């Protein structure tokens, strides 16, 4: 009976040793998995940092593009105002040209009338002319 008890204890100790070794292997495997996860996480963190840097650069470029667009819009507005001023000036010049044309026509009519009167006066003055 003592011998059976010692055999049972020995068998239980052997099973406990085997189970302990199995647990140690499982723990070692778990640690290796955790190390791989940690490495992968570190890689992901580095990728996130790199992506963040790229996004920051993109944001800066977008701000530059926005600033340039604002300056273009401002220049376009100034150009539009200049065009309006030029158009107004052109219309005024057109009106002045029309007015000058009218005055020229009036002067021409007056000159023709004056020429007619001059010829008439010249004809009447011949009456008084002594040869």
C-alpha atoms as a PDB file:
ATOM      1  CA  UNK A   1       0.000   0.000   0.000  1.00  0.00           C
ATOM      2  CA  UNK A   2       2.794   2.452   0.773  1.00  0.00           C
ATOM      3  CA  UNK A   3       4.400   1.382  -2.408  1.00  0.00           C
ATOM      4  CA  UNK A   4       1.202   2.147  -4.352  1.00  0.00           C
ATOM      5  CA  UNK A   5       0.964   5.485  -2.581  1.00  0.00           C
ATOM      6  CA  UNK A   6       4.583   6.317  -3.453  1.00  0.00           C
ATOM      7  CA  UNK A   7       3.959   5.214  -7.052  1.00  0.00           C
ATOM      8  CA  UNK A   8       0.823   7.399  -7.201  1.00  0.00           C
ATOM      9  CA  UNK A   9       2.726  10.361  -5.746  1.00  0.00           C
ATOM     10  CA  UNK A  10       5.587   9.754  -8.173  1.00  0.00           C
ATOM     11  CA  UNK A  11       3.147   9.524 -11.064  1.00  0.00           C
ATOM     12  CA  UNK A  12       1.396  12.729  -9.949  1.00  0.00           C
ATOM     13  CA  UNK A  13       4.774  14.468  -9.611  1.00  0.00           C
ATOM     14  CA  UNK A  14       5.717  13.323 -13.128  1.00  0.00           C
ATOM     15  CA  UNK A  15       2.394  14.618 -14.501  1.00  0.00           C
ATOM     16  CA  UNK A  16       2.888  17.890 -12.593  1.00  0.00           C
ATOM     17  CA  UNK A  17       6.385  18.232 -14.087  1.00  0.00           C
ATOM     18  CA  UNK A  18       5.047  17.588 -17.572  1.00  0.00           C
ATOM     19  CA  UNK A  19       2.202  20.071 -17.076  1.00  0.00           C
ATOM     20  CA  UNK A  20       4.638  22.639 -15.671  1.00  0.00           C
ATOM     21  CA  UNK A  21       6.956  22.250 -18.676  1.00  0.00           C
ATOM     22  CA  UNK A  22       3.930  22.553 -20.992  1.00  0.00           C
ATOM     23  CA  UNK A  23       2.839  25.722 -19.151  1.00  0.00           C
ATOM     24  CA  UNK A  24       6.391  27.112 -19.418  1.00  0.00           C
ATOM     25  CA  UNK A  25       6.375  26.409 -23.189  1.00  0.00           C
ATOM     26  CA  UNK A  26       2.963  28.061 -23.511  1.00  0.00           C
ATOM     27  CA  UNK A  27       4.179  31.087 -21.551  1.00  0.00           C
ATOM     28  CA  UNK A  28       7.318  31.272 -23.720  1.00  0.00           C
ATOM     29  CA  UNK A  29       5.147  31.054 -26.839  1.00  0.00           C
ATOM     30  CA  UNK A  30       2.863  33.759 -25.434  1.00  0.00           C
ATOM     31  CA  UNK A  31       5.872  36.000 -24.721  1.00  0.00           C
ATOM     32  CA  UNK A  32       7.096  35.502 -28.297  1.00  0.00           C
ATOM     33  CA  UNK A  33       3.655  36.408 -29.629  1.00  0.00           C
ATOM     34  CA  UNK A  34       3.596  39.511 -27.405  1.00  0.00           C
ATOM     35  CA  UNK A  35       7.062  40.485 -28.677  1.00  0.00           C
ATOM     36  CA  UNK A  36       5.861  40.157 -32.296  1.00  0.00           C
ATOM     37  CA  UNK A  37       2.766  42.214 -31.440  1.00  0.00           C
ATOM     38  CA  UNK A  38       4.957  44.822 -29.765  1.00  0.00           C
ATOM     39  CA  UNK A  39       7.256  44.977 -32.827  1.00  0.00           C
ATOM     40  CA  UNK A  40       4.263  45.262 -35.150  1.00  0.00           C
ATOM     41  CA  UNK A  41       2.789  47.992 -32.923  1.00  0.00           C
ATOM     42  CA  UNK A  42       6.116  49.836 -33.038  1.00  0.00           C
ATOM     43  CA  UNK A  43       6.088  49.591 -36.840  1.00  0.00           C
ATOM     44  CA  UNK A  44       2.512  50.888 -36.887  1.00  0.00           C
ATOM     45  CA  UNK A  45       3.471  53.801 -34.631  1.00  0.00           C
ATOM     46  CA  UNK A  46       6.353  54.680 -36.973  1.00  0.00           C
ATOM     47  CA  UNK A  47       4.007  54.509 -39.974  1.00  0.00           C
ATOM     48  CA  UNK A  48       1.489  56.715 -38.190  1.00  0.00           C
ATOM     49  CA  UNK A  49       4.251  59.232 -37.393  1.00  0.00           C
ATOM     50  CA  UNK A  50       5.424  59.212 -41.022  1.00  0.00           C
ATOM     51  CA  UNK A  51       1.844  59.631 -42.224  1.00  0.00           C
ATOM     52  CA  UNK A  52       1.344  62.486 -39.771  1.00  0.00           C
ATOM     53  CA  UNK A  53       4.429  64.245 -41.130  1.00  0.00           C
ATOM     54  CA  UNK A  54       3.148  63.832 -44.695  1.00  0.00           C
ATOM     55  CA  UNK A  55      -0.306  65.107 -43.737  1.00  0.00           C
ATOM     56  CA  UNK A  56       1.275  68.124 -42.036  1.00  0.00           C
ATOM     57  CA  UNK A  57       3.217  68.862 -45.219  1.00  0.00           C
ATOM     58  CA  UNK A  58       0.031  68.499 -47.264  1.00  0.00           C
ATOM     59  CA  UNK A  59      -1.779  70.897 -44.946  1.00  0.00           C
ATOM     60  CA  UNK A  60       1.026  73.446 -45.334  1.00  0.00           C
ATOM     61  CA  UNK A  61       0.861  73.113 -49.119  1.00  0.00           C
ATOM     62  CA  UNK A  62      -2.930  73.464 -49.003  1.00  0.00           C
ATOM     63  CA  UNK A  63      -2.512  76.650 -46.950  1.00  0.00           C
ATOM     64  CA  UNK A  64      -0.044  77.967 -49.532  1.00  0.00           C
ATOM     65  CA  UNK A  65      -2.456  77.139 -52.364  1.00  0.00           C
ATOM     66  CA  UNK A  66      -5.274  78.825 -50.432  1.00  0.00           C
ATOM     67  CA  UNK A  67      -3.118  81.920 -49.906  1.00  0.00           C
ATOM     68  CA  UNK A  68      -2.197  82.018 -53.597  1.00  0.00           C
ATOM     69  CA  UNK A  69      -5.860  81.579 -54.540  1.00  0.00           C
ATOM     70  CA  UNK A  70      -6.739  84.494 -52.275  1.00  0.00           C
ATOM     71  CA  UNK A  71      -4.120  86.682 -53.918  1.00  0.00           C
ATOM     72  CA  UNK A  72      -5.346  85.649 -57.372  1.00  0.00           C
ATOM     73  CA  UNK A  73      -8.917  86.489 -56.375  1.00  0.00           C
ATOM     74  CA  UNK A  74      -7.770  89.872 -55.054  1.00  0.00           C
ATOM     75  CA  UNK A  75      -5.793  90.561 -58.239  1.00  0.00           C
ATOM     76  CA  UNK A  76      -8.787  89.519 -60.327  1.00  0.00           C
ATOM     77  CA  UNK A  77     -10.985  91.897 -58.369  1.00  0.00           C
ATOM     78  CA  UNK A  78      -8.528  94.761 -58.904  1.00  0.00           C
ATOM     79  CA  UNK A  79      -8.282  93.835 -62.585  1.00  0.00           C
ATOM     80  CA  UNK A  80     -12.081  93.809 -62.876  1.00  0.00           C
ATOM     81  CA  UNK A  81     -12.262  97.275 -61.314  1.00  0.00           C
ATOM     82  CA  UNK A  82      -9.554  98.471 -63.698  1.00  0.00           C
ATOM     83  CA  UNK A  83     -11.481  97.022 -66.618  1.00  0.00           C
ATOM     84  CA  UNK A  84     -14.640  98.795 -65.454  1.00  0.00           C
ATOM     85  CA  UNK A  85     -12.714 102.080 -65.226  1.00  0.00           C
ATOM     86  CA  UNK A  86     -11.255 101.521 -68.703  1.00  0.00           C
ATOM     87  CA  UNK A  87     -14.700 100.687 -70.093  1.00  0.00           C
ATOM     88  CA  UNK A  88     -16.145 103.826 -68.507  1.00  0.00           C
ATOM     89  CA  UNK A  89     -13.264 105.865 -69.926  1.00  0.00           C
ATOM     90  CA  UNK A  90     -13.756 104.308 -73.346  1.00  0.00           C
ATOM     91  CA  UNK A  91     -17.468 105.138 -73.249  1.00  0.00           C
ATOM     92  CA  UNK A  92     -16.634 108.719 -72.268  1.00  0.00           C
ATOM     93  CA  UNK A  93     -14.103 108.942 -75.092  1.00  0.00           C
ATOM     94  CA  UNK A  94     -16.743 107.532 -77.453  1.00  0.00           C
ATOM     95  CA  UNK A  95     -19.173 110.212 -76.269  1.00  0.00           C
ATOM     96  CA  UNK A  96     -16.505 112.906 -76.714  1.00  0.00           C
ATOM     97  CA  UNK A  97     -15.761 111.630 -80.227  1.00  0.00           C
ATOM     98  CA  UNK A  98     -19.485 111.757 -81.053  1.00  0.00           C
ATOM     99  CA  UNK A  99     -19.676 115.272 -79.659  1.00  0.00           C
ATOM    100  CA  UNK A 100     -16.569 116.298 -81.618  1.00  0.00           C
ATOM    101  CA  UNK A 101     -18.084 114.793 -84.776  1.00  0.00           C
ATOM    102  CA  UNK A 102     -21.267 116.798 -84.226  1.00  0.00           C
ATOM    103  CA  UNK A 103     -19.248 119.962 -83.654  1.00  0.00           C
ATOM    104  CA  UNK A 104     -17.174 119.233 -86.763  1.00  0.00           C
ATOM    105  CA  UNK A 105     -20.353 118.815 -88.800  1.00  0.00           C
ATOM    106  CA  UNK A 106     -21.685 122.077 -87.386  1.00  0.00           C
ATOM    107  CA  UNK A 107     -18.366 123.811 -88.167  1.00  0.00           C
ATOM    108  CA  UNK A 108     -18.453 122.360 -91.683  1.00  0.00           C
ATOM    109  CA  UNK A 109     -22.001 123.622 -92.194  1.00  0.00           C
ATOM    110  CA  UNK A 110     -21.026 127.037 -90.837  1.00  0.00           C
ATOM    111  CA  UNK A 111     -17.897 127.091 -93.008  1.00  0.00           C
ATOM    112  CA  UNK A 112     -19.975 126.155 -96.078  1.00  0.00           C
ATOM    113  CA  UNK A 113     -22.517 128.812 -95.131  1.00  0.00           C
ATOM    114  CA  UNK A 114     -19.702 131.320 -94.590  1.00  0.00           C
ATOM    115  CA  UNK A 115     -18.227 130.341 -97.975  1.00  0.00           C
ATOM    116  CA  UNK A 116     -21.617 130.861 -99.599  1.00  0.00           C
ATOM    117  CA  UNK A 117     -22.011 134.251 -97.902  1.00  0.00           C
ATOM    118  CA  UNK A 118     -18.440 135.130 -98.883  1.00  0.00           C
ATOM    119  CA  UNK A 119     -19.107 134.247-102.531  1.00  0.00           C
ATOM    120  CA  UNK A 120     -22.338 136.231-102.400  1.00  0.00           C
ATOM    121  CA  UNK A 121     -20.527 139.187-100.849  1.00  0.00           C
ATOM    122  CA  UNK A 122     -17.748 138.819-103.394  1.00  0.00           C
ATOM    123  CA  UNK A 123     -20.319 138.868-106.170  1.00  0.00           C
ATOM    124  CA  UNK A 124     -21.872 142.040-104.763  1.00  0.00           C
ATOM    125  CA  UNK A 125     -18.486 143.657-104.290  1.00  0.00           C
ATOM    126  CA  UNK A 126     -17.767 143.191-108.022  1.00  0.00           C
ATOM    127  CA  UNK A 127     -20.505 145.654-108.632  1.00  0.00           C
ATOM    128  CA  UNK A 128     -18.388 148.274-106.916  1.00  0.00           C
ATOM    129  CA  UNK A 129     -15.158 147.157-108.453  1.00  0.00           C
ATOM    130  CA  UNK A 130     -13.318 149.572-110.737  1.00  0.00           C
ATOM    131  CA  UNK A 131     -11.290 148.125-113.523  1.00  0.00           C
END
